[in-house]
Amino acid sequence: MSAPTLDDAISLIEQKNFDQAEAILVQLRAMNPANARVNYALAVVAIQKNDLISALALLDASTRVATEQPFVYSTFSSVLLRLGDKTAAYKMASKATALAPKSSQSHIALGEVYAEQEKHDLAIQSYETALTYAPENVSLLAILSRHHRKLGDTAKADSMLSEALERDSQNPDALVEAASVEGWQNQEQIGTTIENLLKDRDREPDEEHWYNLSRAAAHLAEKRGDWASAFAHHDNDRAALNRQYNTQHRDWQVKTTLQNGVR
């Protein structure tokens, strides 16, 4: 029987079998610690397990070899942003867009940085560019709607959110945005759809989406005076938040990693 390969590990990641994938990748890395593809795949697993400190080190190792791979830099940017280093995240996202100016993922990474900096006009530019290269990405419409609303362009925001919901009535980003807009039409139906998504945990395994959907459901429950449901959803969103960030604060080791690793 042949030994498991990187392709086997990648297939397991796609199937969300992260523990099995990690076991293979650890063996592969032991044989070649500098393998950029193995380090990147291990970083993806670490991100899925919310071990962002490990992901940071693995991505740094990957960029030392795969210096021209934009997706590595855009992923690096997202991890740095979640760890609160906007300056380093901007550098990585800018590197990604320079390497791949027609990559939607690269422009999304840059847009995320601008969004965290509350530079809504620049975030819109980045997300619009991303949408140009990935017009099928409904989530981008919802995100753009949010930033147009932040800048006071309600008409544009409403138009983009309506389009997002028309194209995918179960898109988590669009549903969360619609739930947050006072007076949005069909909020009862929006709430029902969110509740149904929350019941189907396997269908929406992403912790960030789970957290945001739970918050949106709590908000709608509060508006209709259903405090029992609101409290239950707040418990769910706190649990998701804990799972999402449970490994990010290890005596703030990230500072040492950033100082030693990010160029």
Foldseek 3Di string as FASTA:
>chain_A
DDQDDLVNLVVCVVVVVLVVSLVSLVVVCVVPVLPLSSLQSNLVSCLLQLQLLSSLLSLLSNCVPPVLALVSLLVNLVSVVVLPDLPLSLVSLVSSCVSPVLALSSLQSNLVSCVVVVVLVSSLVSLVSSCVNVVVPLLSLLVNLVSCVVVPNNVSSVVSLVVSCVSPVLDLSSLLSQLPDPPRPPVVVSLVSLVVVQVVCVVPVDLVSLLSSLCSNLSVCVVVPNNVSNVVSVVRNVVSVCSNNVNSPDVNCVVVCCVPRRD
